[in-house]
Amino acid sequence: MQTYTVDIINERAIMLLKDLELLKLIRVRKQVGETMTENKLFSKYKGAMVRQPLSEIDEQLNELRDSWE
């Protein structure tokens, strides 16, 4: 028996895999407890925010709080 990891690109592929499983050609197993690693999280949000000085962040927060009142 050989094990492969497959990335599903199209949802129709899941149905094809289930059909192959019904024919007892393959066994489909979901990975239990699959979590994003730090590297994946980092690359997902990389460039979303730019580094700012704390004084600038405090100023923006105060402006937001003042707008609520």
PDB file of N, CA and C in Angstrom:
ATOM      1  N   MET A   1       0.848  -1.182   0.000  1.00  0.00           N
ATOM      2  CA  MET A   1       0.000   0.000   0.000  1.00  0.00           C
ATOM      3  C   MET A   1       0.891   1.242   0.000  1.00  0.00           C
ATOM      4  N   GLN A   2       0.514   2.225  -0.800  1.00  0.00           N
ATOM      5  CA  GLN A   2       1.242   3.483  -0.882  1.00  0.00           C
ATOM      6  C   GLN A   2       0.341   4.594  -0.385  1.00  0.00           C
ATOM      7  N   THR A   3       0.931   5.613   0.220  1.00  0.00           N
ATOM      8  CA  THR A   3       0.167   6.749   0.730  1.00  0.00           C
ATOM      9  C   THR A   3       0.551   7.994  -0.044  1.00  0.00           C
ATOM     10  N   TYR A   4      -0.468   8.737  -0.478  1.00  0.00           N
ATOM     11  CA  TYR A   4      -0.268   9.989  -1.198  1.00  0.00           C
ATOM     12  C   TYR A   4      -1.054  11.083  -0.490  1.00  0.00           C
ATOM     13  N   THR A   5      -0.569  12.292  -0.549  1.00  0.00           N
ATOM     14  CA  THR A   5      -1.305  13.456  -0.077  1.00  0.00           C
ATOM     15  C   THR A   5      -1.790  14.207  -1.300  1.00  0.00           C
ATOM     16  N   VAL A   6      -3.078  14.512  -1.322  1.00  0.00           N
ATOM     17  CA  VAL A   6      -3.689  15.145  -2.493  1.00  0.00           C
ATOM     18  C   VAL A   6      -4.344  16.443  -2.070  1.00  0.00           C
ATOM     19  N   ASP A   7      -4.111  17.518  -2.798  1.00  0.00           N
ATOM     20  CA  ASP A   7      -4.811  18.780  -2.587  1.00  0.00           C
ATOM     21  C   ASP A   7      -6.009  18.812  -3.522  1.00  0.00           C
ATOM     22  N   ILE A   8      -7.193  18.979  -2.951  1.00  0.00           N
ATOM     23  CA  ILE A   8      -8.421  19.016  -3.751  1.00  0.00           C
ATOM     24  C   ILE A   8      -8.594  20.430  -4.289  1.00  0.00           C
ATOM     25  N   ILE A   9      -8.594  20.550  -5.597  1.00  0.00           N
ATOM     26  CA  ILE A   9      -8.743  21.847  -6.253  1.00  0.00           C
ATOM     27  C   ILE A   9     -10.202  22.100  -6.615  1.00  0.00           C
ATOM     28  N   ASN A  10     -10.892  21.046  -7.008  1.00  0.00           N
ATOM     29  CA  ASN A  10     -12.278  21.161  -7.441  1.00  0.00           C
ATOM     30  C   ASN A  10     -13.116  20.191  -6.617  1.00  0.00           C
ATOM     31  N   GLU A  11     -14.265  20.649  -6.122  1.00  0.00           N
ATOM     32  CA  GLU A  11     -15.123  19.829  -5.269  1.00  0.00           C
ATOM     33  C   GLU A  11     -15.603  18.553  -5.971  1.00  0.00           C
ATOM     34  N   ARG A  12     -15.663  18.564  -7.296  1.00  0.00           N
ATOM     35  CA  ARG A  12     -16.088  17.367  -8.028  1.00  0.00           C
ATOM     36  C   ARG A  12     -15.126  16.211  -7.816  1.00  0.00           C
ATOM     37  N   ALA A  13     -13.880  16.527  -7.496  1.00  0.00           N
ATOM     38  CA  ALA A  13     -12.883  15.484  -7.270  1.00  0.00           C
ATOM     39  C   ALA A  13     -13.226  14.642  -6.044  1.00  0.00           C
ATOM     40  N   ILE A  14     -13.886  15.243  -5.075  1.00  0.00           N
ATOM     41  CA  ILE A  14     -14.273  14.504  -3.875  1.00  0.00           C
ATOM     42  C   ILE A  14     -15.243  13.390  -4.225  1.00  0.00           C
ATOM     43  N   MET A  15     -16.191  13.684  -5.092  1.00  0.00           N
ATOM     44  CA  MET A  15     -17.145  12.662  -5.509  1.00  0.00           C
ATOM     45  C   MET A  15     -16.439  11.531  -6.258  1.00  0.00           C
ATOM     46  N   LEU A  16     -15.479  11.873  -7.086  1.00  0.00           N
ATOM     47  CA  LEU A  16     -14.715  10.847  -7.811  1.00  0.00           C
ATOM     48  C   LEU A  16     -13.929   9.970  -6.843  1.00  0.00           C
ATOM     49  N   LEU A  17     -13.347  10.587  -5.837  1.00  0.00           N
ATOM     50  CA  LEU A  17     -12.607   9.822  -4.842  1.00  0.00           C
ATOM     51  C   LEU A  17     -13.537   8.899  -4.056  1.00  0.00           C
ATOM     52  N   LYS A  18     -14.726   9.392  -3.730  1.00  0.00           N
ATOM     53  CA  LYS A  18     -15.693   8.556  -3.014  1.00  0.00           C
ATOM     54  C   LYS A  18     -16.128   7.367  -3.874  1.00  0.00           C
ATOM     55  N   ASP A  19     -16.277   7.587  -5.180  1.00  0.00           N
ATOM     56  CA  ASP A  19     -16.625   6.488  -6.087  1.00  0.00           C
ATOM     57  C   ASP A  19     -15.513   5.433  -6.106  1.00  0.00           C
ATOM     58  N   LEU A  20     -14.267   5.882  -6.149  1.00  0.00           N
ATOM     59  CA  LEU A  20     -13.148   4.944  -6.126  1.00  0.00           C
ATOM     60  C   LEU A  20     -13.099   4.168  -4.810  1.00  0.00           C
ATOM     61  N   GLU A  21     -13.483   4.848  -3.743  1.00  0.00           N
ATOM     62  CA  GLU A  21     -13.510   4.185  -2.443  1.00  0.00           C
ATOM     63  C   GLU A  21     -14.608   3.111  -2.410  1.00  0.00           C
ATOM     64  N   LEU A  22     -15.762   3.410  -3.001  1.00  0.00           N
ATOM     65  CA  LEU A  22     -16.845   2.426  -3.056  1.00  0.00           C
ATOM     66  C   LEU A  22     -16.439   1.189  -3.864  1.00  0.00           C
ATOM     67  N   LEU A  23     -15.607   1.384  -4.856  1.00  0.00           N
ATOM     68  CA  LEU A  23     -15.104   0.267  -5.657  1.00  0.00           C
ATOM     69  C   LEU A  23     -13.960  -0.475  -4.962  1.00  0.00           C
ATOM     70  N   LYS A  24     -13.637  -0.023  -3.744  1.00  0.00           N
ATOM     71  CA  LYS A  24     -12.548  -0.604  -2.943  1.00  0.00           C
ATOM     72  C   LYS A  24     -11.196  -0.541  -3.664  1.00  0.00           C
ATOM     73  N   LEU A  25     -11.001   0.561  -4.370  1.00  0.00           N
ATOM     74  CA  LEU A  25      -9.721   0.795  -5.026  1.00  0.00           C
ATOM     75  C   LEU A  25      -8.810   1.670  -4.167  1.00  0.00           C
ATOM     76  N   ILE A  26      -9.425   2.557  -3.386  1.00  0.00           N
ATOM     77  CA  ILE A  26      -8.663   3.449  -2.514  1.00  0.00           C
ATOM     78  C   ILE A  26      -9.383   3.553  -1.181  1.00  0.00           C
ATOM     79  N   ARG A  27      -8.692   4.115  -0.204  1.00  0.00           N
ATOM     80  CA  ARG A  27      -9.291   4.442   1.084  1.00  0.00           C
ATOM     81  C   ARG A  27      -9.054   5.933   1.325  1.00  0.00           C
ATOM     82  N   VAL A  28     -10.113   6.669   1.614  1.00  0.00           N
ATOM     83  CA  VAL A  28     -10.012   8.103   1.841  1.00  0.00           C
ATOM     84  C   VAL A  28     -10.007   8.344   3.342  1.00  0.00           C
ATOM     85  N   ARG A  29      -8.995   9.058   3.802  1.00  0.00           N
ATOM     86  CA  ARG A  29      -8.903   9.407   5.220  1.00  0.00           C
ATOM     87  C   ARG A  29      -8.664  10.897   5.334  1.00  0.00           C
ATOM     88  N   LYS A  30      -9.417  11.533   6.222  1.00  0.00           N
ATOM     89  CA  LYS A  30      -9.168  12.940   6.500  1.00  0.00           C
ATOM     90  C   LYS A  30      -8.116  13.026   7.584  1.00  0.00           C
ATOM     91  N   GLN A  31      -7.280  14.042   7.503  1.00  0.00           N
ATOM     92  CA  GLN A  31      -6.277  14.244   8.540  1.00  0.00           C
ATOM     93  C   GLN A  31      -6.956  14.819   9.765  1.00  0.00           C
ATOM     94  N   VAL A  32      -6.755  14.183  10.901  1.00  0.00           N
ATOM     95  CA  VAL A  32      -7.370  14.619  12.149  1.00  0.00           C
ATOM     96  C   VAL A  32      -6.499  15.687  12.780  1.00  0.00           C
ATOM     97  N   GLY A  33      -7.162  16.767  13.242  1.00  0.00           N
ATOM     98  CA  GLY A  33      -6.434  17.818  13.942  1.00  0.00           C
ATOM     99  C   GLY A  33      -5.497  18.602  13.063  1.00  0.00           C
ATOM    100  N   GLU A  34      -5.845  18.735  11.821  1.00  0.00           N
ATOM    101  CA  GLU A  34      -4.995  19.487  10.905  1.00  0.00           C
ATOM    102  C   GLU A  34      -5.067  20.966  11.265  1.00  0.00           C
ATOM    103  N   THR A  35      -3.936  21.555  11.573  1.00  0.00           N
ATOM    104  CA  THR A  35      -3.878  22.968  11.930  1.00  0.00           C
ATOM    105  C   THR A  35      -2.879  23.660  11.036  1.00  0.00           C
ATOM    106  N   MET A  36      -3.046  24.948  10.914  1.00  0.00           N
ATOM    107  CA  MET A  36      -2.093  25.731  10.120  1.00  0.00           C
ATOM    108  C   MET A  36      -0.805  25.904  10.908  1.00  0.00           C
ATOM    109  N   THR A  37       0.295  25.670  10.270  1.00  0.00           N
ATOM    110  CA  THR A  37       1.579  25.884  10.917  1.00  0.00           C
ATOM    111  C   THR A  37       1.871  27.374  10.923  1.00  0.00           C
ATOM    112  N   GLU A  38       2.850  27.745  11.744  1.00  0.00           N
ATOM    113  CA  GLU A  38       3.206  29.163  11.820  1.00  0.00           C
ATOM    114  C   GLU A  38       3.605  29.692  10.453  1.00  0.00           C
ATOM    115  N   ASN A  39       4.294  28.886   9.680  1.00  0.00           N
ATOM    116  CA  ASN A  39       4.758  29.317   8.366  1.00  0.00           C
ATOM    117  C   ASN A  39       3.578  29.625   7.448  1.00  0.00           C
ATOM    118  N   LYS A  40       2.551  28.767   7.474  1.00  0.00           N
ATOM    119  CA  LYS A  40       1.382  29.007   6.636  1.00  0.00           C
ATOM    120  C   LYS A  40       0.650  30.265   7.084  1.00  0.00           C
ATOM    121  N   LEU A  41       0.503  30.430   8.416  1.00  0.00           N
ATOM    122  CA  LEU A  41      -0.163  31.628   8.923  1.00  0.00           C
ATOM    123  C   LEU A  41       0.609  32.878   8.539  1.00  0.00           C
ATOM    124  N   PHE A  42       1.924  32.810   8.662  1.00  0.00           N
ATOM    125  CA  PHE A  42       2.752  33.963   8.332  1.00  0.00           C
ATOM    126  C   PHE A  42       2.582  34.347   6.870  1.00  0.00           C
ATOM    127  N   SER A  43       2.625  33.356   5.989  1.00  0.00           N
ATOM    128  CA  SER A  43       2.524  33.659   4.567  1.00  0.00           C
ATOM    129  C   SER A  43       1.113  34.131   4.201  1.00  0.00           C
ATOM    130  N   LYS A  44       0.108  33.686   4.951  1.00  0.00           N
ATOM    131  CA  LYS A  44      -1.266  34.098   4.675  1.00  0.00           C
ATOM    132  C   LYS A  44      -1.459  35.595   4.945  1.00  0.00           C
ATOM    133  N   TYR A  45      -0.847  36.083   6.015  1.00  0.00           N
ATOM    134  CA  TYR A  45      -1.059  37.474   6.417  1.00  0.00           C
ATOM    135  C   TYR A  45       0.127  38.388   6.103  1.00  0.00           C
ATOM    136  N   LYS A  46       1.150  37.856   5.467  1.00  0.00           N
ATOM    137  CA  LYS A  46       2.335  38.649   5.158  1.00  0.00           C
ATOM    138  C   LYS A  46       1.961  39.832   4.277  1.00  0.00           C
ATOM    139  N   GLY A  47       2.354  41.026   4.694  1.00  0.00           N
ATOM    140  CA  GLY A  47       2.094  42.225   3.921  1.00  0.00           C
ATOM    141  C   GLY A  47       0.726  42.827   4.170  1.00  0.00           C
ATOM    142  N   ALA A  48      -0.092  42.213   5.017  1.00  0.00           N
ATOM    143  CA  ALA A  48      -1.428  42.739   5.285  1.00  0.00           C
ATOM    144  C   ALA A  48      -1.351  44.013   6.113  1.00  0.00           C
ATOM    145  N   MET A  49      -0.356  44.110   6.971  1.00  0.00           N
ATOM    146  CA  MET A  49      -0.191  45.299   7.808  1.00  0.00           C
ATOM    147  C   MET A  49       1.249  45.778   7.694  1.00  0.00           C
ATOM    148  N   VAL A  50       1.413  47.071   7.791  1.00  0.00           N
ATOM    149  CA  VAL A  50       2.765  47.625   7.788  1.00  0.00           C
ATOM    150  C   VAL A  50       3.144  47.997   9.209  1.00  0.00           C
ATOM    151  N   ARG A  51       4.417  47.940   9.500  1.00  0.00           N
ATOM    152  CA  ARG A  51       4.899  48.284  10.836  1.00  0.00           C
ATOM    153  C   ARG A  51       4.690  49.773  11.074  1.00  0.00           C
ATOM    154  N   GLN A  52       4.093  50.111  12.250  1.00  0.00           N
ATOM    155  CA  GLN A  52       3.847  51.506  12.598  1.00  0.00           C
ATOM    156  C   GLN A  52       4.388  51.777  13.998  1.00  0.00           C
ATOM    157  N   PRO A  53       4.788  53.018  14.246  1.00  0.00           N
ATOM    158  CA  PRO A  53       5.204  53.369  15.603  1.00  0.00           C
ATOM    159  C   PRO A  53       3.994  53.297  16.552  1.00  0.00           C
ATOM    160  N   LEU A  54       4.257  52.983  17.828  1.00  0.00           N
ATOM    161  CA  LEU A  54       3.181  52.865  18.809  1.00  0.00           C
ATOM    162  C   LEU A  54       2.386  54.159  18.955  1.00  0.00           C
ATOM    163  N   SER A  55       3.064  55.289  18.839  1.00  0.00           N
ATOM    164  CA  SER A  55       2.358  56.566  18.982  1.00  0.00           C
ATOM    165  C   SER A  55       1.302  56.728  17.890  1.00  0.00           C
ATOM    166  N   GLU A  56       1.606  56.264  16.683  1.00  0.00           N
ATOM    167  CA  GLU A  56       0.657  56.340  15.574  1.00  0.00           C
ATOM    168  C   GLU A  56      -0.542  55.427  15.817  1.00  0.00           C
ATOM    169  N   ILE A  57      -0.283  54.239  16.340  1.00  0.00           N
ATOM    170  CA  ILE A  57      -1.365  53.296  16.633  1.00  0.00           C
ATOM    171  C   ILE A  57      -2.263  53.846  17.726  1.00  0.00           C
ATOM    172  N   ASP A  58      -1.654  54.419  18.791  1.00  0.00           N
ATOM    173  CA  ASP A  58      -2.442  55.013  19.870  1.00  0.00           C
ATOM    174  C   ASP A  58      -3.321  56.147  19.350  1.00  0.00           C
ATOM    175  N   GLU A  59      -2.779  56.941  18.467  1.00  0.00           N
ATOM    176  CA  GLU A  59      -3.526  58.059  17.891  1.00  0.00           C
ATOM    177  C   GLU A  59      -4.735  57.555  17.094  1.00  0.00           C
ATOM    178  N   GLN A  60      -4.532  56.510  16.295  1.00  0.00           N
ATOM    179  CA  GLN A  60      -5.632  55.929  15.516  1.00  0.00           C
ATOM    180  C   GLN A  60      -6.700  55.329  16.424  1.00  0.00           C
ATOM    181  N   LEU A  61      -6.275  54.656  17.489  1.00  0.00           N
ATOM    182  CA  LEU A  61      -7.236  54.089  18.435  1.00  0.00           C
ATOM    183  C   LEU A  61      -8.062  55.173  19.110  1.00  0.00           C
ATOM    184  N   ASN A  62      -7.410  56.248  19.498  1.00  0.00           N
ATOM    185  CA  ASN A  62      -8.131  57.350  20.139  1.00  0.00           C
ATOM    186  C   ASN A  62      -9.139  57.983  19.181  1.00  0.00           C
ATOM    187  N   GLU A  63      -8.768  58.116  17.909  1.00  0.00           N
ATOM    188  CA  GLU A  63      -9.695  58.659  16.913  1.00  0.00           C
ATOM    189  C   GLU A  63     -10.912  57.750  16.764  1.00  0.00           C
ATOM    190  N   LEU A  64     -10.684  56.450  16.729  1.00  0.00           N
ATOM    191  CA  LEU A  64     -11.793  55.500  16.620  1.00  0.00           C
ATOM    192  C   LEU A  64     -12.702  55.573  17.831  1.00  0.00           C
ATOM    193  N   ARG A  65     -12.109  55.625  19.018  1.00  0.00           N
ATOM    194  CA  ARG A  65     -12.917  55.696  20.246  1.00  0.00           C
ATOM    195  C   ARG A  65     -13.738  56.987  20.291  1.00  0.00           C
ATOM    196  N   ASP A  66     -13.121  58.080  19.862  1.00  0.00           N
ATOM    197  CA  ASP A  66     -13.833  59.365  19.856  1.00  0.00           C
ATOM    198  C   ASP A  66     -14.996  59.361  18.862  1.00  0.00           C
ATOM    199  N   SER A  67     -14.861  58.635  17.768  1.00  0.00           N
ATOM    200  CA  SER A  67     -15.932  58.614  16.767  1.00  0.00           C
ATOM    201  C   SER A  67     -17.138  57.831  17.264  1.00  0.00           C
ATOM    202  N   TRP A  68     -16.973  56.945  18.219  1.00  0.00           N
ATOM    203  CA  TRP A  68     -18.094  56.160  18.759  1.00  0.00           C
ATOM    204  C   TRP A  68     -18.966  56.995  19.680  1.00  0.00           C
ATOM    205  N   GLU A  69     -18.392  58.035  20.248  1.00  0.00           N
ATOM    206  CA  GLU A  69     -19.151  58.850  21.230  1.00  0.00           C
ATOM    207  C   GLU A  69     -19.927  59.956  20.565  1.00  0.00           C
TER     208      GLU A  69
END
